[in-house]
C-alpha atoms as a PDB file:
ATOM      1  CA  MET A   1      29.913 -24.647  17.370  1.00  0.00           C
ATOM      2  CA  THR A   2      28.745 -28.234  17.955  1.00  0.00           C
ATOM      3  CA  MET A   3      25.551 -30.202  17.395  1.00  0.00           C
ATOM      4  CA  SER A   4      24.597 -29.404  20.971  1.00  0.00           C
ATOM      5  CA  ASP A   5      24.065 -25.787  19.875  1.00  0.00           C
ATOM      6  CA  PHE A   6      21.028 -26.898  17.863  1.00  0.00           C
ATOM      7  CA  THR A   7      17.575 -28.162  18.789  1.00  0.00           C
ATOM      8  CA  PRO A   8      15.154 -29.825  16.372  1.00  0.00           C
ATOM      9  CA  GLU A   9      12.965 -26.687  16.531  1.00  0.00           C
ATOM     10  CA  LEU A  10      15.868 -24.379  15.671  1.00  0.00           C
ATOM     11  CA  SER A  11      17.038 -26.697  12.901  1.00  0.00           C
ATOM     12  CA  THR A  12      13.542 -26.798  11.410  1.00  0.00           C
ATOM     13  CA  ALA A  13      13.484 -22.983  11.430  1.00  0.00           C
ATOM     14  CA  LEU A  14      16.884 -22.927   9.705  1.00  0.00           C
ATOM     15  CA  GLU A  15      15.644 -25.337   7.069  1.00  0.00           C
ATOM     16  CA  ARG A  16      12.651 -23.100   6.348  1.00  0.00           C
ATOM     17  CA  VAL A  17      14.918 -20.074   6.024  1.00  0.00           C
ATOM     18  CA  LEU A  18      17.111 -21.911   3.525  1.00  0.00           C
ATOM     19  CA  ALA A  19      13.985 -22.919   1.574  1.00  0.00           C
ATOM     20  CA  LEU A  20      12.641 -19.313   1.643  1.00  0.00           C
ATOM     21  CA  GLU A  21       9.556 -20.631   3.465  1.00  0.00           C
ATOM     22  CA  ALA A  22      10.244 -19.188   6.916  1.00  0.00           C
ATOM     23  CA  SER A  23       7.518 -17.561   8.974  1.00  0.00           C
ATOM     24  CA  PRO A  24       8.062 -14.500  11.187  1.00  0.00           C
ATOM     25  CA  ALA A  25       8.236 -16.918  14.150  1.00  0.00           C
ATOM     26  CA  ASP A  26      11.061 -18.848  12.431  1.00  0.00           C
ATOM     27  CA  HIS A  27      13.004 -15.633  11.865  1.00  0.00           C
ATOM     28  CA  ALA A  28      12.417 -14.593  15.470  1.00  0.00           C
ATOM     29  CA  ARG A  29      13.709 -17.960  16.724  1.00  0.00           C
ATOM     30  CA  ILE A  30      16.879 -17.665  14.624  1.00  0.00           C
ATOM     31  CA  ALA A  31      17.432 -14.015  15.537  1.00  0.00           C
ATOM     32  CA  ALA A  32      17.169 -14.915  19.234  1.00  0.00           C
ATOM     33  CA  TRP A  33      19.659 -17.764  18.727  1.00  0.00           C
ATOM     34  CA  VAL A  34      22.151 -15.542  16.873  1.00  0.00           C
ATOM     35  CA  GLY A  35      21.750 -12.648  19.308  1.00  0.00           C
ATOM     36  CA  THR A  36      25.051 -10.759  19.454  1.00  0.00           C
ATOM     37  CA  ASP A  37      27.150 -13.880  18.841  1.00  0.00           C
ATOM     38  CA  ALA A  38      29.453 -12.996  15.945  1.00  0.00           C
ATOM     39  CA  GLU A  39      30.440 -16.634  15.369  1.00  0.00           C
ATOM     40  CA  ARG A  40      26.843 -17.748  14.964  1.00  0.00           C
ATOM     41  CA  ALA A  41      26.086 -14.797  12.667  1.00  0.00           C
ATOM     42  CA  ALA A  42      29.120 -15.594  10.494  1.00  0.00           C
ATOM     43  CA  TRP A  43      28.172 -19.281  10.386  1.00  0.00           C
ATOM     44  CA  LEU A  44      24.650 -18.401   9.217  1.00  0.00           C
ATOM     45  CA  ALA A  45      26.084 -16.068   6.575  1.00  0.00           C
ATOM     46  CA  ALA A  46      28.391 -18.832   5.340  1.00  0.00           C
ATOM     47  CA  VAL A  47      25.545 -21.321   5.075  1.00  0.00           C
ATOM     48  CA  ARG A  48      23.244 -18.952   3.211  1.00  0.00           C
ATOM     49  CA  THR A  49      25.879 -18.016   0.667  1.00  0.00           C
ATOM     50  CA  THR A  50      27.175 -21.552   0.085  1.00  0.00           C
ATOM     51  CA  VAL A  51      24.274 -24.048   0.044  1.00  0.00           C
ATOM     52  CA  ASP A  52      23.271 -24.916  -3.537  1.00  0.00           C
ATOM     53  CA  ALA A  53      20.235 -23.134  -4.943  1.00  0.00           C
ATOM     54  CA  ASP A  54      17.770 -24.454  -7.471  1.00  0.00           C
ATOM     55  CA  PRO A  55      18.652 -22.505 -10.650  1.00  0.00           C
ATOM     56  CA  SER A  56      15.056 -22.587 -11.879  1.00  0.00           C
ATOM     57  CA  THR A  57      13.622 -20.925  -8.764  1.00  0.00           C
ATOM     58  CA  GLY A  58      16.570 -19.349  -6.989  1.00  0.00           C
ATOM     59  CA  GLN A  59      15.493 -21.085  -3.773  1.00  0.00           C
ATOM     60  CA  TRP A  60      17.683 -23.090  -1.462  1.00  0.00           C
ATOM     61  CA  ASP A  61      17.235 -26.837  -2.060  1.00  0.00           C
ATOM     62  CA  VAL A  62      18.290 -28.747   1.060  1.00  0.00           C
ATOM     63  CA  GLU A  63      17.298 -32.147  -0.364  1.00  0.00           C
ATOM     64  CA  ARG A  64      19.418 -31.654  -3.494  1.00  0.00           C
ATOM     65  CA  ALA A  65      22.366 -30.485  -1.420  1.00  0.00           C
ATOM     66  CA  TRP A  66      21.877 -33.473   0.946  1.00  0.00           C
ATOM     67  CA  SER A  67      22.080 -35.830  -2.043  1.00  0.00           C
ATOM     68  CA  ALA A  68      25.366 -34.212  -3.057  1.00  0.00           C
ATOM     69  CA  VAL A  69      26.739 -34.625   0.481  1.00  0.00           C
ATOM     70  CA  LYS A  70      25.717 -38.324   0.505  1.00  0.00           C
ATOM     71  CA  ALA A  71      27.383 -38.897  -2.858  1.00  0.00           C
ATOM     72  CA  ARG A  72      30.623 -37.339  -1.640  1.00  0.00           C
ATOM     73  CA  ARG A  73      30.545 -39.449   1.536  1.00  0.00           C
ATOM     74  CA  GLU A  74      29.873 -42.641  -0.388  1.00  0.00           C
ATOM     75  CA  ARG A  75      32.803 -41.956  -2.717  1.00  0.00           C
ATOM     76  CA  VAL A  76      35.167 -41.909   0.267  1.00  0.00           C
ATOM     77  CA  GLY A  77      33.552 -44.956   1.905  1.00  0.00           C
ATOM     78  CA  ALA A  78      31.704 -43.129   4.676  1.00  0.00           C
ATOM     79  CA  SER A  79      28.436 -44.597   5.839  1.00  0.00           C
ATOM     80  CA  VAL A  80      25.224 -42.666   5.342  1.00  0.00           C
ATOM     81  CA  SER A  81      22.097 -43.579   7.254  1.00  0.00           C
ATOM     82  CA  PRO A  82      18.961 -43.515   5.050  1.00  0.00           C
ATOM     83  CA  GLY A  83      16.827 -42.651   8.053  1.00  0.00           C
ATOM     84  CA  VAL A  84      18.489 -39.352   8.960  1.00  0.00           C
ATOM     85  CA  PRO A  85      15.742 -36.877   9.967  1.00  0.00           C
ATOM     86  CA  ARG A  86      15.183 -33.995   7.590  1.00  0.00           C
ATOM     87  CA  TRP A  87      16.176 -31.397  10.196  1.00  0.00           C
ATOM     88  CA  THR A  88      19.465 -33.211  10.796  1.00  0.00           C
ATOM     89  CA  ARG A  89      20.106 -33.280   7.054  1.00  0.00           C
ATOM     90  CA  THR A  90      19.863 -29.497   7.090  1.00  0.00           C
ATOM     91  CA  LEU A  91      22.626 -29.336   9.708  1.00  0.00           C
ATOM     92  CA  VAL A  92      24.844 -31.789   7.837  1.00  0.00           C
ATOM     93  CA  VAL A  93      24.451 -29.846   4.596  1.00  0.00           C
ATOM     94  CA  ALA A  94      24.978 -26.538   6.396  1.00  0.00           C
ATOM     95  CA  GLY A  95      28.011 -27.906   8.213  1.00  0.00           C
ATOM     96  CA  ALA A  96      29.489 -29.175   4.951  1.00  0.00           C
ATOM     97  CA  ALA A  97      28.953 -25.770   3.368  1.00  0.00           C
ATOM     98  CA  ALA A  98      30.566 -23.900   6.248  1.00  0.00           C
ATOM     99  CA  ALA A  99      33.434 -26.426   6.372  1.00  0.00           C
ATOM    100  CA  ALA A 100      34.081 -25.915   2.667  1.00  0.00           C
ATOM    101  CA  LEU A 101      34.392 -22.178   3.262  1.00  0.00           C
ATOM    102  CA  LEU A 102      36.657 -22.735   6.236  1.00  0.00           C
ATOM    103  CA  LEU A 103      39.021 -25.008   4.284  1.00  0.00           C
ATOM    104  CA  ALA A 104      39.078 -22.554   1.381  1.00  0.00           C
ATOM    105  CA  GLY A 105      40.028 -19.750   3.738  1.00  0.00           C
ATOM    106  CA  GLN A 106      36.908 -17.779   2.772  1.00  0.00           C
ATOM    107  CA  TRP A 107      35.427 -17.812   6.288  1.00  0.00           C
ATOM    108  CA  ARG A 108      37.003 -17.913   9.699  1.00  0.00           C
ATOM    109  CA  PRO A 109      34.755 -18.016  12.787  1.00  0.00           C
ATOM    110  CA  SER A 110      35.771 -15.189  15.072  1.00  0.00           C
ATOM    111  CA  ARG A 111      34.428 -12.654  17.515  1.00  0.00           C
ATOM    112  CA  GLN A 112      34.880  -9.873  14.991  1.00  0.00           C
ATOM    113  CA  GLN A 113      32.090  -8.112  13.081  1.00  0.00           C
ATOM    114  CA  PRO A 114      29.867 -10.788  11.427  1.00  0.00           C
ATOM    115  CA  GLN A 115      29.500 -11.037   7.691  1.00  0.00           C
ATOM    116  CA  SER A 116      26.283  -9.694   6.197  1.00  0.00           C
ATOM    117  CA  ALA A 117      23.845 -12.397   5.096  1.00  0.00           C
ATOM    118  CA  ASP A 118      21.183 -10.928   2.866  1.00  0.00           C
ATOM    119  CA  ARG A 119      18.874 -11.910   0.077  1.00  0.00           C
ATOM    120  CA  ARG A 120      17.257  -9.718  -2.526  1.00  0.00           C
ATOM    121  CA  VAL A 121      14.047  -9.874  -4.520  1.00  0.00           C
ATOM    122  CA  SER A 122      13.423  -7.350  -7.322  1.00  0.00           C
ATOM    123  CA  TRP A 123      10.096  -6.653  -9.008  1.00  0.00           C
ATOM    124  CA  GLN A 124       8.974  -4.261 -11.726  1.00  0.00           C
ATOM    125  CA  SER A 125       5.540  -3.395 -13.080  1.00  0.00           C
ATOM    126  CA  PRO A 126       5.167  -2.337 -16.725  1.00  0.00           C
ATOM    127  CA  VAL A 127       3.307   0.784 -17.812  1.00  0.00           C
ATOM    128  CA  GLY A 128      -0.429   0.355 -17.454  1.00  0.00           C
ATOM    129  CA  GLU A 129      -0.271  -2.749 -15.244  1.00  0.00           C
ATOM    130  CA  THR A 130      -0.092  -3.658 -11.564  1.00  0.00           C
ATOM    131  CA  ARG A 131       1.803  -6.507  -9.956  1.00  0.00           C
ATOM    132  CA  ARG A 132       0.805  -8.368  -6.805  1.00  0.00           C
ATOM    133  CA  GLY A 133       3.084 -10.580  -4.782  1.00  0.00           C
ATOM    134  CA  ARG A 134       4.274 -11.727  -1.387  1.00  0.00           C
ATOM    135  CA  LEU A 135       7.776 -10.965  -0.138  1.00  0.00           C
ATOM    136  CA  PRO A 136       9.815 -13.721   1.551  1.00  0.00           C
ATOM    137  CA  ASP A 137       8.898 -12.371   5.006  1.00  0.00           C
ATOM    138  CA  GLY A 138       5.159 -12.707   4.285  1.00  0.00           C
ATOM    139  CA  THR A 139       4.481  -9.042   3.457  1.00  0.00           C
ATOM    140  CA  ASP A 140       1.891  -8.558   0.690  1.00  0.00           C
ATOM    141  CA  VAL A 141       2.677  -5.896  -1.913  1.00  0.00           C
ATOM    142  CA  VAL A 142       0.819  -4.396  -4.851  1.00  0.00           C
ATOM    143  CA  LEU A 143       2.960  -2.382  -7.281  1.00  0.00           C
ATOM    144  CA  ALA A 144       1.289   0.372  -9.271  1.00  0.00           C
ATOM    145  CA  SER A 145       2.062   1.103 -12.910  1.00  0.00           C
ATOM    146  CA  ALA A 146       5.660   1.920 -13.905  1.00  0.00           C
ATOM    147  CA  SER A 147       7.078   1.121 -10.461  1.00  0.00           C
ATOM    148  CA  SER A 148      10.053  -0.880  -9.207  1.00  0.00           C
ATOM    149  CA  LEU A 149      10.856  -2.500  -5.875  1.00  0.00           C
ATOM    150  CA  THR A 150      13.858  -4.279  -4.404  1.00  0.00           C
ATOM    151  CA  TYR A 151      13.433  -6.229  -1.152  1.00  0.00           C
ATOM    152  CA  ILE A 152      16.549  -6.752   0.983  1.00  0.00           C
ATOM    153  CA  GLU A 153      16.449  -9.042   4.013  1.00  0.00           C
ATOM    154  CA  GLN A 154      19.280  -9.194   6.531  1.00  0.00           C
ATOM    155  CA  ILE A 155      19.674 -10.469  10.064  1.00  0.00           C
ATOM    156  CA  GLY A 156      17.606  -8.146  12.238  1.00  0.00           C
ATOM    157  CA  ARG A 157      16.081  -5.997   9.483  1.00  0.00           C
ATOM    158  CA  ARG A 158      13.850  -5.915   6.406  1.00  0.00           C
ATOM    159  CA  GLU A 159      14.239  -3.184   3.805  1.00  0.00           C
ATOM    160  CA  VAL A 160      12.504  -2.209   0.559  1.00  0.00           C
ATOM    161  CA  GLU A 161      13.836   0.226  -2.032  1.00  0.00           C
ATOM    162  CA  LEU A 162      10.885   1.739  -3.922  1.00  0.00           C
ATOM    163  CA  VAL A 163      10.600   4.011  -6.929  1.00  0.00           C
ATOM    164  CA  GLY A 164       7.004   4.628  -7.935  1.00  0.00           C
ATOM    165  CA  GLN A 165       3.927   3.595  -5.960  1.00  0.00           C
ATOM    166  CA  ALA A 166       3.070   0.536  -3.906  1.00  0.00           C
ATOM    167  CA  ALA A 167       0.650  -0.644  -1.235  1.00  0.00           C
ATOM    168  CA  PHE A 168       2.009  -2.766   1.622  1.00  0.00           C
ATOM    169  CA  GLU A 169       0.386  -5.132   4.103  1.00  0.00           C
ATOM    170  CA  VAL A 170       3.373  -5.765   6.338  1.00  0.00           C
ATOM    171  CA  ALA A 171       3.873  -9.084   8.114  1.00  0.00           C
ATOM    172  CA  PRO A 172       4.332  -8.313  11.840  1.00  0.00           C
ATOM    173  CA  ASP A 173       7.770  -9.085  13.261  1.00  0.00           C
ATOM    174  CA  SER A 174       8.817  -7.090  16.320  1.00  0.00           C
ATOM    175  CA  THR A 175      12.413  -8.351  16.037  1.00  0.00           C
ATOM    176  CA  ARG A 176      12.890  -6.998  12.505  1.00  0.00           C
ATOM    177  CA  PRO A 177      11.472  -3.561  11.612  1.00  0.00           C
ATOM    178  CA  PHE A 178      10.248  -3.125   8.034  1.00  0.00           C
ATOM    179  CA  GLU A 179      11.637  -0.075   6.251  1.00  0.00           C
ATOM    180  CA  VAL A 180      10.720   1.426   2.874  1.00  0.00           C
ATOM    181  CA  ARG A 181      13.387   3.625   1.300  1.00  0.00           C
ATOM    182  CA  ALA A 182      12.196   5.979  -1.436  1.00  0.00           C
ATOM    183  CA  PRO A 183      13.626   9.079  -3.133  1.00  0.00           C
ATOM    184  CA  PHE A 184      11.955  11.341  -0.543  1.00  0.00           C
ATOM    185  CA  GLY A 185      13.201   9.448   2.555  1.00  0.00           C
ATOM    186  CA  THR A 186      12.102   6.441   4.614  1.00  0.00           C
ATOM    187  CA  VAL A 187       9.012   4.853   6.155  1.00  0.00           C
ATOM    188  CA  THR A 188       9.564   2.495   9.104  1.00  0.00           C
ATOM    189  CA  VAL A 189       6.886   0.112  10.430  1.00  0.00           C
ATOM    190  CA  LEU A 190       6.488  -2.939  12.667  1.00  0.00           C
ATOM    191  CA  GLY A 191       3.263  -4.201  11.071  1.00  0.00           C
ATOM    192  CA  THR A 192       0.649  -2.178   9.227  1.00  0.00           C
ATOM    193  CA  GLY A 193      -1.072  -1.383   5.944  1.00  0.00           C
ATOM    194  CA  PHE A 194      -0.077   1.722   4.006  1.00  0.00           C
ATOM    195  CA  ASP A 195       0.350   3.250   0.555  1.00  0.00           C
ATOM    196  CA  VAL A 196       3.473   5.061  -0.679  1.00  0.00           C
ATOM    197  CA  ALA A 197       3.582   7.237  -3.810  1.00  0.00           C
ATOM    198  CA  ALA A 198       7.142   8.312  -4.638  1.00  0.00           C
ATOM    199  CA  TYR A 199       7.682   8.833  -8.361  1.00  0.00           C
ATOM    200  CA  ARG A 200      10.863  10.681  -9.273  1.00  0.00           C
ATOM    201  CA  ASP A 201       9.073  13.161 -11.539  1.00  0.00           C
ATOM    202  CA  ASP A 202       6.568  14.263  -8.864  1.00  0.00           C
ATOM    203  CA  GLU A 203       7.299  17.344  -6.787  1.00  0.00           C
ATOM    204  CA  VAL A 204       5.677  15.708  -3.761  1.00  0.00           C
ATOM    205  CA  ALA A 205       5.513  12.211  -2.282  1.00  0.00           C
ATOM    206  CA  THR A 206       2.715  10.857  -0.106  1.00  0.00           C
ATOM    207  CA  VAL A 207       2.328   8.171   2.548  1.00  0.00           C
ATOM    208  CA  SER A 208      -1.201   7.128   3.586  1.00  0.00           C
ATOM    209  CA  VAL A 209      -1.897   4.713   6.449  1.00  0.00           C
ATOM    210  CA  THR A 210      -4.944   2.435   6.392  1.00  0.00           C
ATOM    211  CA  HIS A 211      -4.219   0.746   9.737  1.00  0.00           C
ATOM    212  CA  GLY A 212      -1.369   0.523  12.212  1.00  0.00           C
ATOM    213  CA  ARG A 213       1.396   3.105  12.679  1.00  0.00           C
ATOM    214  CA  VAL A 214       4.402   4.210  10.636  1.00  0.00           C
ATOM    215  CA  ALA A 215       7.247   6.682  11.104  1.00  0.00           C
ATOM    216  CA  VAL A 216       8.113   8.895   8.123  1.00  0.00           C
ATOM    217  CA  ARG A 217      11.496  10.559   7.835  1.00  0.00           C
ATOM    218  CA  SER A 218      12.619  12.805   4.974  1.00  0.00           C
ATOM    219  CA  ALA A 219      15.861  12.310   3.076  1.00  0.00           C
ATOM    220  CA  ALA A 220      17.341  15.130   5.166  1.00  0.00           C
ATOM    221  CA  ARG A 221      17.056  12.719   8.140  1.00  0.00           C
ATOM    222  CA  GLY A 222      15.153  15.127  10.345  1.00  0.00           C
ATOM    223  CA  GLU A 223      12.830  14.161  13.169  1.00  0.00           C
ATOM    224  CA  ALA A 224      10.455  11.329  12.304  1.00  0.00           C
ATOM    225  CA  THR A 225       6.747  12.063  11.878  1.00  0.00           C
ATOM    226  CA  VAL A 226       4.501   9.322  13.264  1.00  0.00           C
ATOM    227  CA  LEU A 227       1.336   8.496  11.306  1.00  0.00           C
ATOM    228  CA  GLU A 228      -1.609   6.471  12.541  1.00  0.00           C
ATOM    229  CA  ALA A 229      -4.593   4.966  10.755  1.00  0.00           C
ATOM    230  CA  GLY A 230      -6.320   7.616   8.656  1.00  0.00           C
ATOM    231  CA  ASP A 231      -3.249   9.885   8.525  1.00  0.00           C
ATOM    232  CA  MET A 232      -1.420  11.046   5.433  1.00  0.00           C
ATOM    233  CA  ALA A 233       2.031  12.596   5.121  1.00  0.00           C
ATOM    234  CA  THR A 234       3.038  14.857   2.251  1.00  0.00           C
ATOM    235  CA  ILE A 235       6.769  15.206   1.676  1.00  0.00           C
ATOM    236  CA  ARG A 236       7.998  18.217  -0.283  1.00  0.00           C
ATOM    237  CA  ASP A 237      11.523  19.689  -0.300  1.00  0.00           C
ATOM    238  CA  ASP A 238      12.570  17.457   2.638  1.00  0.00           C
ATOM    239  CA  ARG A 239       9.664  18.726   4.765  1.00  0.00           C
ATOM    240  CA  VAL A 240       7.036  16.314   6.089  1.00  0.00           C
ATOM    241  CA  SER A 241       3.478  17.593   6.624  1.00  0.00           C
ATOM    242  CA  ARG A 242       0.887  15.474   8.417  1.00  0.00           C
ATOM    243  CA  SER A 243      -2.866  15.651   7.764  1.00  0.00           C
ATOM    244  CA  ARG A 244      -5.977  13.509   7.997  1.00  0.00           C
ATOM    245  CA  VAL A 245      -7.135  11.572   4.957  1.00  0.00           C
ATOM    246  CA  LEU A 246     -10.350  13.285   3.911  1.00  0.00           C
ATOM    247  CA  ASP A 247     -11.434  10.508   1.559  1.00  0.00           C
ATOM    248  CA  SER A 248     -10.359   7.110   2.864  1.00  0.00           C
ATOM    249  CA  ALA A 249     -11.922   5.404  -0.180  1.00  0.00           C
ATOM    250  CA  ALA A 250      -9.386   7.197  -2.383  1.00  0.00           C
ATOM    251  CA  VAL A 251      -6.376   5.647  -0.600  1.00  0.00           C
ATOM    252  CA  GLY A 252      -5.094   2.830  -2.760  1.00  0.00           C
ATOM    253  CA  ALA A 253      -8.090   3.090  -5.102  1.00  0.00           C
ATOM    254  CA  TRP A 254      -5.742   2.205  -7.980  1.00  0.00           C
ATOM    255  CA  ARG A 255      -5.659  -1.350  -6.607  1.00  0.00           C
ATOM    256  CA  ASP A 256      -9.391  -1.571  -7.337  1.00  0.00           C
ATOM    257  CA  GLY A 257      -9.066  -0.141 -10.851  1.00  0.00           C
ATOM    258  CA  ARG A 258      -9.757   3.543 -10.127  1.00  0.00           C
ATOM    259  CA  LEU A 259      -7.667   6.710 -10.172  1.00  0.00           C
ATOM    260  CA  VAL A 260      -9.174   9.182  -7.710  1.00  0.00           C
ATOM    261  CA  PHE A 261      -8.150  12.857  -7.781  1.00  0.00           C
ATOM    262  CA  ARG A 262      -9.418  15.364  -5.229  1.00  0.00           C
ATOM    263  CA  ASP A 263      -8.674  19.030  -6.013  1.00  0.00           C
ATOM    264  CA  VAL A 264      -5.271  18.351  -7.597  1.00  0.00           C
ATOM    265  CA  PRO A 265      -3.425  20.278 -10.349  1.00  0.00           C
ATOM    266  CA  ILE A 266      -4.252  19.069 -13.849  1.00  0.00           C
ATOM    267  CA  GLY A 267      -0.524  18.604 -14.516  1.00  0.00           C
ATOM    268  CA  ARG A 268      -0.367  15.948 -11.807  1.00  0.00           C
ATOM    269  CA  VAL A 269      -3.365  14.158 -13.336  1.00  0.00           C
ATOM    270  CA  ALA A 270      -1.642  14.198 -16.733  1.00  0.00           C
ATOM    271  CA  ARG A 271       1.531  12.662 -15.289  1.00  0.00           C
ATOM    272  CA  GLU A 272      -0.495   9.926 -13.609  1.00  0.00           C
ATOM    273  CA  LEU A 273      -2.356   9.103 -16.826  1.00  0.00           C
ATOM    274  CA  THR A 274       0.947   8.901 -18.691  1.00  0.00           C
ATOM    275  CA  ARG A 275       2.290   6.428 -16.104  1.00  0.00           C
ATOM    276  CA  TRP A 276      -0.751   4.260 -16.663  1.00  0.00           C
ATOM    277  CA  GLY A 277      -0.234   4.198 -20.426  1.00  0.00           C
ATOM    278  CA  ARG A 278      -2.423   7.111 -21.633  1.00  0.00           C
ATOM    279  CA  PRO A 279      -0.086   9.998 -22.541  1.00  0.00           C
ATOM    280  CA  LEU A 280      -1.513  13.464 -21.999  1.00  0.00           C
ATOM    281  CA  VAL A 281       0.068  16.896 -22.403  1.00  0.00           C
ATOM    282  CA  VAL A 282      -1.344  20.011 -20.706  1.00  0.00           C
ATOM    283  CA  ALA A 283      -0.953  23.386 -22.411  1.00  0.00           C
ATOM    284  CA  PRO A 284       0.743  26.073 -20.252  1.00  0.00           C
ATOM    285  CA  GLU A 285      -2.449  28.148 -20.033  1.00  0.00           C
ATOM    286  CA  LEU A 286      -4.169  25.282 -18.179  1.00  0.00           C
ATOM    287  CA  ASP A 287      -1.261  24.459 -15.898  1.00  0.00           C
ATOM    288  CA  GLY A 288      -2.712  26.163 -12.819  1.00  0.00           C
ATOM    289  CA  ARG A 289      -6.168  24.594 -13.076  1.00  0.00           C
ATOM    290  CA  ARG A 290      -7.274  22.042 -10.484  1.00  0.00           C
ATOM    291  CA  VAL A 291      -9.699  19.177 -10.908  1.00  0.00           C
ATOM    292  CA  THR A 292     -11.714  16.628  -8.927  1.00  0.00           C
ATOM    293  CA  ILE A 293     -12.458  13.490 -10.881  1.00  0.00           C
ATOM    294  CA  THR A 294     -12.501   9.669 -10.709  1.00  0.00           C
ATOM    295  CA  LEU A 295     -11.259   7.718 -13.726  1.00  0.00           C
ATOM    296  CA  ARG A 296     -11.506   4.001 -14.484  1.00  0.00           C
ATOM    297  CA  ILE A 297      -8.127   2.475 -15.309  1.00  0.00           C
ATOM    298  CA  ALA A 298      -9.750   0.024 -17.720  1.00  0.00           C
ATOM    299  CA  ALA A 299     -11.189   2.948 -19.712  1.00  0.00           C
ATOM    300  CA  LEU A 300      -8.323   5.450 -19.678  1.00  0.00           C
ATOM    301  CA  ALA A 301      -8.560   5.920 -23.438  1.00  0.00           C
ATOM    302  CA  ALA A 302     -11.563   8.165 -22.721  1.00  0.00           C
ATOM    303  CA  ALA A 303      -9.944   9.991 -19.770  1.00  0.00           C
ATOM    304  CA  PRO A 304      -8.550  13.000 -21.732  1.00  0.00           C
ATOM    305  CA  GLN A 305     -12.016  13.755 -23.129  1.00  0.00           C
ATOM    306  CA  GLN A 306     -13.520  13.488 -19.630  1.00  0.00           C
ATOM    307  CA  LEU A 307     -10.933  15.975 -18.364  1.00  0.00           C
ATOM    308  CA  ALA A 308     -11.642  18.319 -21.265  1.00  0.00           C
ATOM    309  CA  LEU A 309     -15.330  18.340 -20.313  1.00  0.00           C
ATOM    310  CA  ALA A 310     -14.532  18.878 -16.617  1.00  0.00           C
ATOM    311  CA  LEU A 311     -12.242  21.834 -17.360  1.00  0.00           C
ATOM    312  CA  ASP A 312     -14.220  23.276 -20.259  1.00  0.00           C
ATOM    313  CA  ALA A 313     -11.103  22.751 -22.364  1.00  0.00           C
ATOM    314  CA  VAL A 314     -10.327  21.389 -25.814  1.00  0.00           C
ATOM    315  CA  LEU A 315      -8.522  18.149 -26.600  1.00  0.00           C
ATOM    316  CA  ARG A 316      -6.283  18.377 -29.655  1.00  0.00           C
ATOM    317  CA  GLY A 317      -4.595  15.042 -30.180  1.00  0.00           C
ATOM    318  CA  ASP A 318      -2.936  14.244 -26.843  1.00  0.00           C
ATOM    319  CA  THR A 319      -2.915  17.896 -25.693  1.00  0.00           C
ATOM    320  CA  LEU A 320      -5.412  19.670 -23.447  1.00  0.00           C
ATOM    321  CA  THR A 321      -5.719  23.338 -24.290  1.00  0.00           C
ATOM    322  CA  THR A 322      -8.178  26.236 -24.061  1.00  0.00           C
ATOM    323  CA  GLY A 323     -10.520  27.318 -26.841  1.00  0.00           C
ATOM    324  CA  VAL A 324     -14.045  26.904 -28.105  1.00  0.00           C
ATOM    325  CA  ARG A 325     -15.086  23.341 -28.892  1.00  0.00           C
END
């Protein structure tokens, strides 16, 4: 490749990618430029894996790398123009990085399968707390209690690995589908808002859509089930069942500090309370009982007593059981 392969607009987009500040439009511009060109894809992979990163933030620092390139040039007597535009600096730094790989024999431009250029972001939320954040692609995420998420971004795709529960407001990008992988299977979207509950100790997983459309596929990789706004999918034993959300206010209520249960087994309520930091054990004789109740996350210390009243049960320590109060 030569400098003629680049325009100022493309170079600016590349700089934003290296700085982890790229917009969906920047990614689209780069994806269109790479296309099916294996050499361009390999070059981009080489740049992303070689340019220095700021150790305090983990982000690419083009200015710091440019300073290093200038210092090396000055040591060998090469001239460096102080007025080089910032976008051109990005290309010089990127070219130096790719050249270093080439000389070391670690990268050889070819028409073979391109190397994979990816970046990962991992988050965890402790018991009893939520975590809010924005992924590098602009997607907003809220993690529920005791949940973990790993975001993986590659050329042409965005992927999240989720264990637990999270709400997503996905940044639209028609060139790169957004996929959530969970123990039950996958959810694929192009731009939407939805909630996924996929804890390993639950017998079922749920996907609820607030707006937009998603495709849900079980781990058995059967036919995808398409959900639209107001739909909910329940995944049990690799089977996906679609239904309408009867109480839209309950979807993602945990983000507003409430746990809403509508005709659910008491055992499921107990597991949810435990995840949020209020352990509760249900005696076998109550296991089949169902309950409808709304609990405030900020006042979960009182939740077991509220459940005892709702079920006409007795609370002994952290255990719900039958008997006369």
